[in-house]
């Protein structure tokens, strides 16, 4: 399965850390990370490939999806999140379930923030039961679309096609996504029970304390602009 990474050259260390965390927590994961670059191409492996793109956010995502069919399943993983804990046996069952489903076009394994604290605002009342007996809740609008999750290509392609050509920065996408009406046939779900915990890598362009400490325990070299953490620990989800 292609794992579509939204990143740029400046954030290469952050991306490497995110991918390393998947390798550590889920050694047999099914993903091939598709990583965009402008000038700084990395070494390809059987689990990572590099695609040269522009530095335009909208164009980058559409270029990464360019050769993929609308109905193909992908794993959407923005570089400013990384996994801290994964219930991999459960996630593997759910992936098998969702790929065979004719109803779902997206599934998130981390129920946190608004989908947990404001279900009436963010979720439809009906529930779906997976073949393994897990409860799945359908999300309204684009709530939590920036968290790592399974999506059909057509969902991500539609969203970015509708965003403006010029996006001033990643933070702006939070508000811009709300100007795009989600199609009703794009059915995005989240597990009622949480099976993943994510850390936030950066906040307002600065590396978080939790990400800084995690990278410091690896062989990844941080560039000078990520050597001063902001002191914040930002964690999403709780098992």
Protein backbone atom coordinates (compact mmCIF):
# COMPACT_ATOMS: atom_id res chain seq x y z
CA UNK A 1 0.00 0.00 0.00
CA UNK A 2 1.31 3.46 -0.90
CA UNK A 3 1.78 5.73 2.10
CA UNK A 4 1.44 9.30 0.86
CA UNK A 5 3.68 11.65 2.85
CA UNK A 6 3.13 15.40 2.85
CA UNK A 7 6.50 16.99 3.56
CA UNK A 8 9.29 19.09 2.01
CA UNK A 9 13.10 19.17 2.02
CA UNK A 10 13.29 21.38 5.12
CA UNK A 11 11.43 18.72 7.14
CA UNK A 12 13.46 15.72 5.94
CA UNK A 13 14.66 14.81 9.47
CA UNK A 14 11.07 14.93 10.73
CA UNK A 15 9.96 12.63 7.90
CA UNK A 16 12.80 10.16 8.54
CA UNK A 17 11.83 10.03 12.20
CA UNK A 18 8.18 9.38 11.38
CA UNK A 19 9.07 6.49 9.07
CA UNK A 20 11.56 5.09 11.60
CA UNK A 21 8.82 5.03 14.23
CA UNK A 22 6.61 2.92 11.96
CA UNK A 23 9.54 0.54 11.41
CA UNK A 24 10.12 0.22 15.14
CA UNK A 25 6.50 -0.15 16.23
CA UNK A 26 5.26 -2.18 13.27
CA UNK A 27 8.18 -4.04 11.65
CA UNK A 28 5.97 -5.85 9.11
CA UNK A 29 3.81 -2.87 8.16
CA UNK A 30 2.46 -2.98 4.59
CA UNK A 31 3.44 0.55 3.51
CA UNK A 32 5.72 1.93 0.82
CA UNK A 33 6.25 5.57 1.77
CA UNK A 34 6.02 7.93 -1.20
CA UNK A 35 8.06 10.99 -0.20
CA UNK A 36 8.12 14.26 -2.13
CA UNK A 37 11.33 16.26 -2.51
CA UNK A 38 12.40 19.43 -4.26
CA UNK A 39 16.22 19.14 -4.33
CA UNK A 40 17.10 16.74 -1.51
CA UNK A 41 16.44 13.24 -2.81
CA UNK A 42 16.91 10.40 -0.37
CA UNK A 43 18.01 6.81 -0.89
CA UNK A 44 15.19 4.58 -2.05
CA UNK A 45 14.48 1.27 -0.31
CA UNK A 46 11.83 -1.42 -0.71
CA UNK A 47 9.73 0.65 1.73
CA UNK A 48 10.37 4.18 0.50
CA UNK A 49 10.38 5.99 -2.82
CA UNK A 50 11.01 9.62 -3.70
CA UNK A 51 9.07 11.79 -6.14
CA UNK A 52 10.36 15.21 -7.19
CA UNK A 53 7.61 17.81 -6.85
CA UNK A 54 7.23 21.56 -6.66
CA UNK A 55 7.17 23.32 -3.29
CA UNK A 56 3.45 24.06 -3.77
CA UNK A 57 1.44 22.09 -1.20
CA UNK A 58 -1.63 21.46 -3.36
CA UNK A 59 0.42 20.52 -6.42
CA UNK A 60 2.66 18.23 -4.36
CA UNK A 61 -0.22 16.08 -3.12
CA UNK A 62 -1.85 15.90 -6.55
CA UNK A 63 1.48 14.93 -8.13
CA UNK A 64 2.00 12.17 -5.55
CA UNK A 65 -1.44 10.79 -6.44
CA UNK A 66 -1.00 11.31 -10.17
CA UNK A 67 -0.51 7.68 -11.25
CA UNK A 68 -2.90 6.13 -8.73
CA UNK A 69 -6.45 5.00 -9.44
CA UNK A 70 -9.33 6.73 -7.64
CA UNK A 71 -10.40 3.47 -6.00
CA UNK A 72 -6.95 2.54 -4.68
CA UNK A 73 -6.44 2.52 -0.93
CA UNK A 74 -3.56 4.60 0.46
CA UNK A 75 -2.23 5.49 3.88
CA UNK A 76 -2.22 9.26 4.33
CA UNK A 77 0.58 10.40 6.65
CA UNK A 78 1.45 14.06 7.06
CA UNK A 79 4.97 14.58 8.44
CA UNK A 80 3.92 16.60 11.49
CA UNK A 81 2.57 13.46 13.20
CA UNK A 82 4.40 10.27 14.19
CA UNK A 83 3.22 7.10 15.95
CA UNK A 84 3.96 6.53 19.61
CA UNK A 85 1.91 3.37 20.14
CA UNK A 86 0.08 1.11 17.68
CA UNK A 87 -2.13 -1.89 18.44
CA UNK A 88 -0.84 -3.56 15.29
CA UNK A 89 -2.76 -6.85 15.43
CA UNK A 90 -6.04 -4.95 15.68
CA UNK A 91 -5.03 -2.44 13.00
CA UNK A 92 -4.09 -5.25 10.61
CA UNK A 93 -7.54 -6.82 11.02
CA UNK A 94 -9.21 -3.47 10.41
CA UNK A 95 -7.13 -2.81 7.29
CA UNK A 96 -8.22 -6.15 5.87
CA UNK A 97 -11.82 -5.25 6.76
CA UNK A 98 -11.81 -1.80 5.21
CA UNK A 99 -10.19 -2.90 1.96
CA UNK A 100 -12.98 -5.41 1.43
CA UNK A 101 -15.73 -2.98 2.42
CA UNK A 102 -17.86 -1.45 -0.29
CA UNK A 103 -19.11 1.28 2.03
CA UNK A 104 -16.06 2.94 3.58
CA UNK A 105 -13.66 5.33 1.88
CA UNK A 106 -11.59 6.16 4.95
CA UNK A 107 -10.71 4.81 8.39
CA UNK A 108 -8.85 6.40 11.29
CA UNK A 109 -7.55 4.30 14.20
CA UNK A 110 -7.02 7.18 16.64
CA UNK A 111 -10.13 8.61 18.26
CA UNK A 112 -9.06 11.75 20.06
CA UNK A 113 -9.78 15.46 20.42
CA UNK A 114 -13.06 16.51 18.80
CA UNK A 115 -14.22 13.03 17.71
CA UNK A 116 -13.89 12.02 21.37
CA UNK A 117 -14.98 15.18 23.18
CA UNK A 118 -17.65 16.47 20.76
CA UNK A 119 -19.30 13.43 19.13
CA UNK A 120 -22.56 15.24 18.32
CA UNK A 121 -20.63 17.83 16.32
CA UNK A 122 -18.20 15.48 14.60
CA UNK A 123 -19.91 12.08 14.24
CA UNK A 124 -23.10 10.65 12.81
CA UNK A 125 -25.18 8.66 15.37
CA UNK A 126 -25.29 5.36 13.45
CA UNK A 127 -22.62 2.73 14.14
CA UNK A 128 -21.02 0.10 11.93
CA UNK A 129 -19.59 -3.16 13.27
CA UNK A 130 -16.44 -4.59 11.68
CA UNK A 131 -16.03 -8.33 11.01
CA UNK A 132 -13.77 -8.47 14.08
CA UNK A 133 -16.52 -6.93 16.23
CA UNK A 134 -15.12 -3.40 16.53
CA UNK A 135 -17.46 -0.41 16.48
CA UNK A 136 -16.82 2.14 13.73
CA UNK A 137 -18.23 5.67 13.85
CA UNK A 138 -18.75 7.80 10.75
CA UNK A 139 -17.16 11.25 10.77
CA UNK A 140 -18.85 14.38 9.53
CA UNK A 141 -17.11 16.92 7.29
CA UNK A 142 -13.27 16.71 7.34
CA UNK A 143 -12.73 16.28 11.08
CA UNK A 144 -9.26 14.83 11.79
CA UNK A 145 -8.32 14.52 8.12
CA UNK A 146 -4.69 15.47 8.94
CA UNK A 147 -4.15 12.48 11.24
CA UNK A 148 -2.57 9.33 9.78
CA UNK A 149 -5.31 7.15 8.29
CA UNK A 150 -6.48 4.92 5.45
CA UNK A 151 -8.14 6.74 2.55
CA UNK A 152 -9.23 5.97 -0.95
CA UNK A 153 -7.27 8.05 -3.46
CA UNK A 154 -10.44 9.77 -4.68
CA UNK A 155 -11.08 11.33 -1.27
CA UNK A 156 -7.67 12.97 -0.99
CA UNK A 157 -7.64 13.94 -4.67
CA UNK A 158 -11.06 15.60 -4.35
CA UNK A 159 -10.08 17.56 -1.23
CA UNK A 160 -6.84 18.93 -2.69
CA UNK A 161 -8.41 19.65 -6.09
CA UNK A 162 -10.89 21.91 -4.29
CA UNK A 163 -8.27 23.74 -2.21
CA UNK A 164 -6.82 26.99 -3.64
CA UNK A 165 -3.73 26.85 -5.86
CA UNK A 166 -1.69 28.84 -3.37
CA UNK A 167 -1.75 27.64 0.24
CA UNK A 168 0.36 29.94 2.45
CA UNK A 169 1.39 27.15 4.80
CA UNK A 170 0.33 23.90 6.43
CA UNK A 171 -1.48 25.70 9.25
CA UNK A 172 -3.75 27.45 6.73
CA UNK A 173 -5.08 24.07 5.59
CA UNK A 174 -7.01 23.71 8.86
CA UNK A 175 -9.34 26.54 7.90
CA UNK A 176 -9.24 25.98 4.14
CA UNK A 177 -10.50 22.40 4.43
CA UNK A 178 -13.69 23.69 6.05
CA UNK A 179 -14.52 25.64 2.88
CA UNK A 180 -14.71 22.36 0.92
CA UNK A 181 -17.99 20.43 1.27
CA UNK A 182 -17.29 16.74 1.83
CA UNK A 183 -19.22 14.56 -0.60
CA UNK A 184 -21.71 12.27 1.11
CA UNK A 185 -20.33 9.24 -0.75
CA UNK A 186 -16.94 9.93 0.84
CA UNK A 187 -17.63 7.97 4.01
CA UNK A 188 -14.88 8.45 6.59
CA UNK A 189 -14.89 6.43 9.81
CA UNK A 190 -13.02 6.30 13.10
CA UNK A 191 -12.83 3.37 15.50
CA UNK A 192 -14.87 3.90 18.65
CA UNK A 193 -12.01 2.42 20.66
CA UNK A 194 -8.58 3.95 20.23
CA UNK A 195 -5.86 1.74 18.68
CA UNK A 196 -3.13 4.31 18.02
CA UNK A 197 -1.37 7.16 19.79
CA UNK A 198 0.43 9.89 17.83
CA UNK A 199 2.86 12.59 18.80
CA UNK A 200 2.91 15.96 17.10
CA UNK A 201 6.28 16.65 15.49
CA UNK A 202 6.10 20.41 15.05
CA UNK A 203 3.88 23.25 16.16
CA UNK A 204 3.88 26.58 14.34
CA UNK A 205 7.13 25.64 12.64
CA UNK A 206 9.03 24.69 15.82
CA UNK A 207 9.89 21.15 16.84
CA UNK A 208 7.94 19.88 19.83
CA UNK A 209 9.72 18.74 22.97
CA UNK A 210 8.45 15.17 22.57
CA UNK A 211 9.65 14.92 18.97
CA UNK A 212 13.01 16.50 19.82
CA UNK A 213 13.60 13.99 22.61
CA UNK A 214 12.51 11.08 20.41
CA UNK A 215 14.85 12.08 17.56
CA UNK A 216 17.70 12.69 20.00
CA UNK A 217 17.56 8.98 20.86
CA UNK A 218 18.19 8.04 17.20
CA UNK A 219 21.02 8.54 14.71
CA UNK A 220 19.01 11.14 12.78
CA UNK A 221 20.80 14.48 12.63
CA UNK A 222 18.61 17.49 13.25
CA UNK A 223 19.28 20.58 11.12
CA UNK A 224 20.05 23.80 12.99
CA UNK A 225 16.46 25.09 12.61
CA UNK A 226 15.14 22.14 14.63
CA UNK A 227 17.68 22.20 17.47
CA UNK A 228 15.62 24.40 19.79
CA UNK A 229 12.46 22.57 20.92
CA UNK A 230 9.43 24.63 21.94
CA UNK A 231 9.07 22.87 25.31
CA UNK A 232 5.61 21.47 24.49
CA UNK A 233 4.58 17.83 24.70
CA UNK A 234 1.67 17.30 22.27
CA UNK A 235 0.19 13.81 22.28
CA UNK A 236 -2.98 12.63 20.50
CA UNK A 237 -4.92 9.65 21.79
CA UNK A 238 -4.86 7.34 24.78
CA UNK A 239 -5.09 3.54 24.80
